[in-house]
C-alpha atoms as a PDB file:
ATOM      1  CA  UNK A   1    -272.394-255.643 -35.615  1.00  0.00           C
ATOM      2  CA  UNK A   2    -272.883-251.828 -35.158  1.00  0.00           C
ATOM      3  CA  UNK A   3    -270.824-250.007 -37.489  1.00  0.00           C
ATOM      4  CA  UNK A   4    -268.531-247.497 -35.671  1.00  0.00           C
ATOM      5  CA  UNK A   5    -269.285-243.677 -36.159  1.00  0.00           C
ATOM      6  CA  UNK A   6    -266.675-241.258 -37.995  1.00  0.00           C
ATOM      7  CA  UNK A   7    -264.792-239.331 -36.138  1.00  0.00           C
ATOM      8  CA  UNK A   8    -261.879-237.025 -35.547  1.00  0.00           C
ATOM      9  CA  UNK A   9    -259.321-238.275 -33.154  1.00  0.00           C
ATOM     10  CA  UNK A  10    -256.260-236.344 -31.333  1.00  0.00           C
ATOM     11  CA  UNK A  11    -253.635-237.253 -29.269  1.00  0.00           C
ATOM     12  CA  UNK A  12    -252.883-234.804 -26.460  1.00  0.00           C
ATOM     13  CA  UNK A  13    -249.163-236.228 -26.784  1.00  0.00           C
ATOM     14  CA  UNK A  14    -248.360-237.099 -29.980  1.00  0.00           C
ATOM     15  CA  UNK A  15    -246.372-240.307 -30.078  1.00  0.00           C
ATOM     16  CA  UNK A  16    -246.681-241.582 -26.757  1.00  0.00           C
ATOM     17  CA  UNK A  17    -249.435-244.500 -26.287  1.00  0.00           C
ATOM     18  CA  UNK A  18    -252.679-242.659 -24.993  1.00  0.00           C
ATOM     19  CA  UNK A  19    -253.601-244.483 -21.288  1.00  0.00           C
ATOM     20  CA  UNK A  20    -257.198-242.078 -21.485  1.00  0.00           C
ATOM     21  CA  UNK A  21    -259.700-241.244 -23.776  1.00  0.00           C
ATOM     22  CA  UNK A  22    -262.182-238.419 -23.740  1.00  0.00           C
ATOM     23  CA  UNK A  23    -265.340-239.328 -25.887  1.00  0.00           C
ATOM     24  CA  UNK A  24    -267.090-235.408 -27.214  1.00  0.00           C
ATOM     25  CA  UNK A  25    -270.176-235.296 -28.640  1.00  0.00           C
ATOM     26  CA  UNK A  26    -270.917-232.604 -30.450  1.00  0.00           C
ATOM     27  CA  UNK A  27    -274.560-230.751 -30.626  1.00  0.00           C
ATOM     28  CA  UNK A  28    -277.288-230.225 -33.308  1.00  0.00           C
ATOM     29  CA  UNK A  29    -276.434-229.488 -36.688  1.00  0.00           C
ATOM     30  CA  UNK A  30    -272.394-229.597 -36.189  1.00  0.00           C
ATOM     31  CA  UNK A  31    -269.943-232.407 -36.508  1.00  0.00           C
ATOM     32  CA  UNK A  32    -267.212-233.770 -34.695  1.00  0.00           C
ATOM     33  CA  UNK A  33    -264.823-231.015 -35.836  1.00  0.00           C
ATOM     34  CA  UNK A  34    -267.014-228.572 -33.984  1.00  0.00           C
ATOM     35  CA  UNK A  35    -264.731-228.960 -30.197  1.00  0.00           C
ATOM     36  CA  UNK A  36    -261.838-230.321 -32.083  1.00  0.00           C
ATOM     37  CA  UNK A  37    -259.926-227.059 -32.017  1.00  0.00           C
ATOM     38  CA  UNK A  38    -260.175-226.857 -27.971  1.00  0.00           C
ATOM     39  CA  UNK A  39    -258.263-229.363 -27.226  1.00  0.00           C
ATOM     40  CA  UNK A  40    -254.540-227.289 -27.811  1.00  0.00           C
ATOM     41  CA  UNK A  41    -256.416-224.691 -25.380  1.00  0.00           C
ATOM     42  CA  UNK A  42    -256.805-227.264 -22.673  1.00  0.00           C
ATOM     43  CA  UNK A  43    -253.927-226.889 -20.031  1.00  0.00           C
ATOM     44  CA  UNK A  44    -253.266-230.632 -19.438  1.00  0.00           C
ATOM     45  CA  UNK A  45    -250.161-230.763 -17.462  1.00  0.00           C
ATOM     46  CA  UNK A  46    -250.288-233.610 -15.076  1.00  0.00           C
ATOM     47  CA  UNK A  47    -252.838-235.655 -16.943  1.00  0.00           C
ATOM     48  CA  UNK A  48    -251.484-238.600 -19.032  1.00  0.00           C
ATOM     49  CA  UNK A  49    -251.645-238.724 -22.662  1.00  0.00           C
ATOM     50  CA  UNK A  50    -255.216-238.813 -23.775  1.00  0.00           C
ATOM     51  CA  UNK A  51    -257.053-239.512 -26.877  1.00  0.00           C
ATOM     52  CA  UNK A  52    -259.973-236.970 -27.874  1.00  0.00           C
ATOM     53  CA  UNK A  53    -262.825-239.375 -29.846  1.00  0.00           C
ATOM     54  CA  UNK A  54    -264.582-236.485 -31.569  1.00  0.00           C
ATOM     55  CA  UNK A  55    -267.668-238.475 -33.528  1.00  0.00           C
ATOM     56  CA  UNK A  56    -270.010-237.446 -36.120  1.00  0.00           C
ATOM     57  CA  UNK A  57    -273.684-237.735 -35.989  1.00  0.00           C
ATOM     58  CA  UNK A  58    -275.683-239.397 -38.580  1.00  0.00           C
ATOM     59  CA  UNK A  59    -277.337-236.744 -40.741  1.00  0.00           C
ATOM     60  CA  UNK A  60    -281.137-236.933 -40.496  1.00  0.00           C
ATOM     61  CA  UNK A  61    -284.708-235.181 -40.686  1.00  0.00           C
ATOM     62  CA  UNK A  62    -285.084-232.618 -37.686  1.00  0.00           C
ATOM     63  CA  UNK A  63    -288.749-231.573 -37.130  1.00  0.00           C
ATOM     64  CA  UNK A  64    -288.119-228.574 -35.298  1.00  0.00           C
ATOM     65  CA  UNK A  65    -286.399-227.567 -37.983  1.00  0.00           C
ATOM     66  CA  UNK A  66    -289.225-228.540 -40.679  1.00  0.00           C
ATOM     67  CA  UNK A  67    -287.636-231.673 -41.291  1.00  0.00           C
ATOM     68  CA  UNK A  68    -284.240-230.450 -43.198  1.00  0.00           C
ATOM     69  CA  UNK A  69    -281.466-233.000 -42.880  1.00  0.00           C
ATOM     70  CA  UNK A  70    -278.614-232.241 -40.665  1.00  0.00           C
ATOM     71  CA  UNK A  71    -276.683-234.054 -38.335  1.00  0.00           C
ATOM     72  CA  UNK A  72    -278.362-235.442 -35.312  1.00  0.00           C
ATOM     73  CA  UNK A  73    -278.144-237.272 -32.569  1.00  0.00           C
ATOM     74  CA  UNK A  74    -281.823-237.410 -32.332  1.00  0.00           C
ATOM     75  CA  UNK A  75    -284.828-235.643 -33.400  1.00  0.00           C
ATOM     76  CA  UNK A  76    -285.950-232.416 -32.012  1.00  0.00           C
ATOM     77  CA  UNK A  77    -289.860-232.567 -31.545  1.00  0.00           C
ATOM     78  CA  UNK A  78    -290.241-229.223 -30.199  1.00  0.00           C
ATOM     79  CA  UNK A  79    -288.710-226.097 -28.310  1.00  0.00           C
ATOM     80  CA  UNK A  80    -289.381-227.223 -25.263  1.00  0.00           C
ATOM     81  CA  UNK A  81    -287.374-230.310 -25.457  1.00  0.00           C
ATOM     82  CA  UNK A  82    -288.998-232.237 -22.791  1.00  0.00           C
ATOM     83  CA  UNK A  83    -292.521-233.076 -23.364  1.00  0.00           C
ATOM     84  CA  UNK A  84    -291.987-234.966 -26.430  1.00  0.00           C
ATOM     85  CA  UNK A  85    -289.125-236.827 -26.949  1.00  0.00           C
ATOM     86  CA  UNK A  86    -287.120-239.318 -29.974  1.00  0.00           C
ATOM     87  CA  UNK A  87    -286.569-242.196 -27.480  1.00  0.00           C
ATOM     88  CA  UNK A  88    -285.809-244.684 -30.196  1.00  0.00           C
ATOM     89  CA  UNK A  89    -283.414-241.748 -31.647  1.00  0.00           C
ATOM     90  CA  UNK A  90    -282.089-241.577 -28.297  1.00  0.00           C
ATOM     91  CA  UNK A  91    -281.281-245.341 -27.709  1.00  0.00           C
ATOM     92  CA  UNK A  92    -280.066-245.607 -31.125  1.00  0.00           C
ATOM     93  CA  UNK A  93    -277.516-243.216 -30.573  1.00  0.00           C
ATOM     94  CA  UNK A  94    -276.870-244.647 -27.307  1.00  0.00           C
ATOM     95  CA  UNK A  95    -275.945-247.210 -29.403  1.00  0.00           C
ATOM     96  CA  UNK A  96    -273.834-245.952 -31.270  1.00  0.00           C
ATOM     97  CA  UNK A  97    -271.771-244.340 -28.445  1.00  0.00           C
ATOM     98  CA  UNK A  98    -271.264-247.098 -26.453  1.00  0.00           C
ATOM     99  CA  UNK A  99    -269.501-249.130 -29.797  1.00  0.00           C
ATOM    100  CA  UNK A 100    -266.882-246.155 -29.522  1.00  0.00           C
ATOM    101  CA  UNK A 101    -266.345-246.912 -25.711  1.00  0.00           C
ATOM    102  CA  UNK A 102    -265.787-250.693 -26.554  1.00  0.00           C
ATOM    103  CA  UNK A 103    -263.695-249.784 -29.373  1.00  0.00           C
ATOM    104  CA  UNK A 104    -261.359-247.507 -27.182  1.00  0.00           C
ATOM    105  CA  UNK A 105    -261.551-250.719 -24.204  1.00  0.00           C
ATOM    106  CA  UNK A 106    -260.632-252.820 -27.258  1.00  0.00           C
ATOM    107  CA  UNK A 107    -257.521-250.505 -28.103  1.00  0.00           C
ATOM    108  CA  UNK A 108    -256.454-250.804 -24.455  1.00  0.00           C
ATOM    109  CA  UNK A 109    -258.114-247.729 -22.567  1.00  0.00           C
ATOM    110  CA  UNK A 110    -259.609-249.254 -19.531  1.00  0.00           C
ATOM    111  CA  UNK A 111    -263.389-248.101 -18.989  1.00  0.00           C
ATOM    112  CA  UNK A 112    -262.060-245.829 -15.679  1.00  0.00           C
ATOM    113  CA  UNK A 113    -259.799-244.019 -17.986  1.00  0.00           C
ATOM    114  CA  UNK A 114    -262.443-242.899 -20.317  1.00  0.00           C
ATOM    115  CA  UNK A 115    -264.566-239.349 -20.391  1.00  0.00           C
ATOM    116  CA  UNK A 116    -267.631-239.250 -21.601  1.00  0.00           C
ATOM    117  CA  UNK A 117    -268.293-235.258 -23.021  1.00  0.00           C
ATOM    118  CA  UNK A 118    -271.133-233.405 -24.873  1.00  0.00           C
ATOM    119  CA  UNK A 119    -272.391-230.221 -25.883  1.00  0.00           C
ATOM    120  CA  UNK A 120    -275.956-229.817 -26.330  1.00  0.00           C
ATOM    121  CA  UNK A 121    -277.870-232.345 -27.829  1.00  0.00           C
ATOM    122  CA  UNK A 122    -274.328-234.209 -27.296  1.00  0.00           C
ATOM    123  CA  UNK A 123    -274.534-233.063 -23.354  1.00  0.00           C
ATOM    124  CA  UNK A 124    -278.027-235.154 -23.303  1.00  0.00           C
ATOM    125  CA  UNK A 125    -276.688-237.866 -25.303  1.00  0.00           C
ATOM    126  CA  UNK A 126    -273.546-238.147 -22.761  1.00  0.00           C
ATOM    127  CA  UNK A 127    -275.955-238.236 -19.855  1.00  0.00           C
ATOM    128  CA  UNK A 128    -278.142-240.593 -21.035  1.00  0.00           C
ATOM    129  CA  UNK A 129    -275.601-243.082 -22.153  1.00  0.00           C
ATOM    130  CA  UNK A 130    -273.475-243.091 -19.049  1.00  0.00           C
ATOM    131  CA  UNK A 131    -276.046-242.844 -16.399  1.00  0.00           C
ATOM    132  CA  UNK A 132    -276.918-246.413 -18.500  1.00  0.00           C
ATOM    133  CA  UNK A 133    -273.457-248.020 -18.786  1.00  0.00           C
ATOM    134  CA  UNK A 134    -272.660-251.053 -17.047  1.00  0.00           C
ATOM    135  CA  UNK A 135    -269.238-250.421 -16.246  1.00  0.00           C
ATOM    136  CA  UNK A 136    -267.546-247.344 -14.581  1.00  0.00           C
ATOM    137  CA  UNK A 137    -266.596-244.419 -16.451  1.00  0.00           C
ATOM    138  CA  UNK A 138    -263.928-241.777 -15.193  1.00  0.00           C
ATOM    139  CA  UNK A 139    -266.344-238.713 -15.614  1.00  0.00           C
ATOM    140  CA  UNK A 140    -269.308-237.264 -17.392  1.00  0.00           C
ATOM    141  CA  UNK A 141    -269.200-233.745 -19.012  1.00  0.00           C
ATOM    142  CA  UNK A 142    -272.714-232.083 -19.674  1.00  0.00           C
ATOM    143  CA  UNK A 143    -271.824-228.763 -21.525  1.00  0.00           C
ATOM    144  CA  UNK A 144    -275.089-226.498 -22.378  1.00  0.00           C
ATOM    145  CA  UNK A 145    -277.501-229.013 -23.134  1.00  0.00           C
ATOM    146  CA  UNK A 146    -279.855-231.235 -19.860  1.00  0.00           C
ATOM    147  CA  UNK A 147    -280.941-234.767 -19.071  1.00  0.00           C
ATOM    148  CA  UNK A 148    -283.163-236.381 -21.687  1.00  0.00           C
ATOM    149  CA  UNK A 149    -286.068-238.982 -20.525  1.00  0.00           C
ATOM    150  CA  UNK A 150    -285.503-238.123 -17.133  1.00  0.00           C
ATOM    151  CA  UNK A 151    -288.386-239.893 -16.072  1.00  0.00           C
ATOM    152  CA  UNK A 152    -287.037-243.538 -16.487  1.00  0.00           C
ATOM    153  CA  UNK A 153    -283.537-242.277 -15.780  1.00  0.00           C
ATOM    154  CA  UNK A 154    -284.384-243.672 -11.776  1.00  0.00           C
ATOM    155  CA  UNK A 155    -285.154-247.474 -13.285  1.00  0.00           C
ATOM    156  CA  UNK A 156    -283.187-247.318 -16.699  1.00  0.00           C
ATOM    157  CA  UNK A 157    -279.408-246.388 -14.830  1.00  0.00           C
ATOM    158  CA  UNK A 158    -277.001-248.836 -13.521  1.00  0.00           C
ATOM    159  CA  UNK A 159    -275.127-248.015 -10.430  1.00  0.00           C
ATOM    160  CA  UNK A 160    -271.372-248.791 -12.217  1.00  0.00           C
ATOM    161  CA  UNK A 161    -271.948-244.640 -12.545  1.00  0.00           C
ATOM    162  CA  UNK A 162    -273.547-244.033  -9.322  1.00  0.00           C
ATOM    163  CA  UNK A 163    -270.688-242.053  -7.845  1.00  0.00           C
ATOM    164  CA  UNK A 164    -268.688-240.860 -11.032  1.00  0.00           C
ATOM    165  CA  UNK A 165    -268.250-237.395 -11.230  1.00  0.00           C
ATOM    166  CA  UNK A 166    -270.431-235.250 -13.127  1.00  0.00           C
ATOM    167  CA  UNK A 167    -269.094-231.724 -14.956  1.00  0.00           C
ATOM    168  CA  UNK A 168    -272.356-229.786 -15.665  1.00  0.00           C
ATOM    169  CA  UNK A 169    -271.689-226.153 -17.136  1.00  0.00           C
ATOM    170  CA  UNK A 170    -274.394-223.717 -18.522  1.00  0.00           C
ATOM    171  CA  UNK A 171    -274.730-220.230 -19.962  1.00  0.00           C
ATOM    172  CA  UNK A 172    -277.206-218.033 -17.945  1.00  0.00           C
ATOM    173  CA  UNK A 173    -278.536-216.425 -21.056  1.00  0.00           C
ATOM    174  CA  UNK A 174    -278.795-219.556 -23.481  1.00  0.00           C
ATOM    175  CA  UNK A 175    -281.699-218.652 -25.429  1.00  0.00           C
ATOM    176  CA  UNK A 176    -281.088-222.717 -26.842  1.00  0.00           C
ATOM    177  CA  UNK A 177    -281.151-224.488 -24.097  1.00  0.00           C
ATOM    178  CA  UNK A 178    -282.537-222.379 -21.172  1.00  0.00           C
ATOM    179  CA  UNK A 179    -280.723-222.479 -17.954  1.00  0.00           C
ATOM    180  CA  UNK A 180    -283.519-223.179 -16.110  1.00  0.00           C
ATOM    181  CA  UNK A 181    -283.410-226.314 -18.462  1.00  0.00           C
ATOM    182  CA  UNK A 182    -279.592-227.478 -17.114  1.00  0.00           C
ATOM    183  CA  UNK A 183    -281.230-226.523 -13.603  1.00  0.00           C
ATOM    184  CA  UNK A 184    -283.793-229.093 -13.816  1.00  0.00           C
ATOM    185  CA  UNK A 185    -281.542-231.878 -14.898  1.00  0.00           C
ATOM    186  CA  UNK A 186    -278.898-230.742 -12.187  1.00  0.00           C
ATOM    187  CA  UNK A 187    -281.636-231.071  -9.330  1.00  0.00           C
ATOM    188  CA  UNK A 188    -282.837-234.682 -11.085  1.00  0.00           C
ATOM    189  CA  UNK A 189    -279.421-235.766 -10.706  1.00  0.00           C
ATOM    190  CA  UNK A 190    -278.332-235.066  -7.224  1.00  0.00           C
ATOM    191  CA  UNK A 191    -281.976-236.001  -6.512  1.00  0.00           C
ATOM    192  CA  UNK A 192    -280.303-239.401  -7.417  1.00  0.00           C
ATOM    193  CA  UNK A 193    -277.175-238.923  -5.431  1.00  0.00           C
ATOM    194  CA  UNK A 194    -275.081-238.031  -8.353  1.00  0.00           C
ATOM    195  CA  UNK A 195    -271.918-236.051  -7.602  1.00  0.00           C
ATOM    196  CA  UNK A 196    -272.652-232.858  -9.685  1.00  0.00           C
ATOM    197  CA  UNK A 197    -270.649-229.888  -9.904  1.00  0.00           C
ATOM    198  CA  UNK A 198    -272.365-227.201 -11.246  1.00  0.00           C
ATOM    199  CA  UNK A 199    -270.467-223.900 -13.057  1.00  0.00           C
ATOM    200  CA  UNK A 200    -272.829-221.356 -15.096  1.00  0.00           C
ATOM    201  CA  UNK A 201    -271.069-218.882 -17.002  1.00  0.00           C
ATOM    202  CA  UNK A 202    -271.906-215.624 -18.099  1.00  0.00           C
ATOM    203  CA  UNK A 203    -272.757-216.663 -21.748  1.00  0.00           C
ATOM    204  CA  UNK A 204    -275.357-218.015 -24.343  1.00  0.00           C
ATOM    205  CA  UNK A 205    -275.347-221.411 -26.283  1.00  0.00           C
ATOM    206  CA  UNK A 206    -271.107-221.609 -26.455  1.00  0.00           C
ATOM    207  CA  UNK A 207    -268.179-222.168 -24.441  1.00  0.00           C
ATOM    208  CA  UNK A 208    -266.710-219.657 -22.143  1.00  0.00           C
ATOM    209  CA  UNK A 209    -262.856-218.628 -21.742  1.00  0.00           C
ATOM    210  CA  UNK A 210    -263.254-219.799 -18.274  1.00  0.00           C
ATOM    211  CA  UNK A 211    -264.819-222.667 -18.888  1.00  0.00           C
ATOM    212  CA  UNK A 212    -262.426-224.079 -20.969  1.00  0.00           C
ATOM    213  CA  UNK A 213    -260.042-223.570 -17.518  1.00  0.00           C
ATOM    214  CA  UNK A 214    -262.842-225.583 -15.666  1.00  0.00           C
ATOM    215  CA  UNK A 215    -263.131-228.457 -18.022  1.00  0.00           C
ATOM    216  CA  UNK A 216    -259.250-228.725 -18.009  1.00  0.00           C
ATOM    217  CA  UNK A 217    -259.358-228.779 -14.006  1.00  0.00           C
ATOM    218  CA  UNK A 218    -261.949-231.387 -14.379  1.00  0.00           C
ATOM    219  CA  UNK A 219    -260.324-233.477 -16.308  1.00  0.00           C
ATOM    220  CA  UNK A 220    -256.679-233.382 -14.434  1.00  0.00           C
ATOM    221  CA  UNK A 221    -259.303-234.303 -11.360  1.00  0.00           C
ATOM    222  CA  UNK A 222    -260.626-237.410 -13.208  1.00  0.00           C
ATOM    223  CA  UNK A 223    -257.708-238.522 -15.244  1.00  0.00           C
ATOM    224  CA  UNK A 224    -254.513-237.235 -13.386  1.00  0.00           C
ATOM    225  CA  UNK A 225    -254.240-240.280 -11.274  1.00  0.00           C
ATOM    226  CA  UNK A 226    -251.896-243.182 -13.303  1.00  0.00           C
ATOM    227  CA  UNK A 227    -253.683-245.535 -14.755  1.00  0.00           C
ATOM    228  CA  UNK A 228    -253.806-249.280 -13.275  1.00  0.00           C
ATOM    229  CA  UNK A 229    -250.787-251.216 -13.704  1.00  0.00           C
ATOM    230  CA  UNK A 230    -251.757-254.027 -16.208  1.00  0.00           C
END
């Protein structure tokens, strides 16, 4: 049995039971608090009560940072990001993220009322995990990251999320994950038939104010409809 990752949880409508959930994965060296502060900035009028779950990745040695121990979903072996990848680490985190999804289902949230989101390395994990999940999610948010183990996606993906909306966002001046890496990932997903909504912003490796508005619009799009009756 997998022990659930420690996490920060916020309710969009405190006191009202959540009927939807957003699981939001942070980037390398950060933790679950990194994006929790964005929740009050999201215009969620028209959305049902949402539980935002911000898990903390475990701390591991990161090769590209000289083996320094920091929160990470998997090891980064080189600047290129995709030539040599920590497949075992990615798969280990995939299992931990699936456990968080299953925990929300056990708490009464249907799979198709869950959005899996992530920034940077968390974006990579959101894409990797969601495309391999055998249950249909409401949406995927992929911010300033890339598709890891892309050469395996075609054979390892499940059909359940073949038509799930994917919101992809990237900074045009990103020095950490180059925008071309995001574009390559977008093109790979589109080639597989996935419905990608692509957005760029004049920023580096960050979140732009216009992006926050676009994220809120996406959540309204995929979660704004009423939950299915029990």
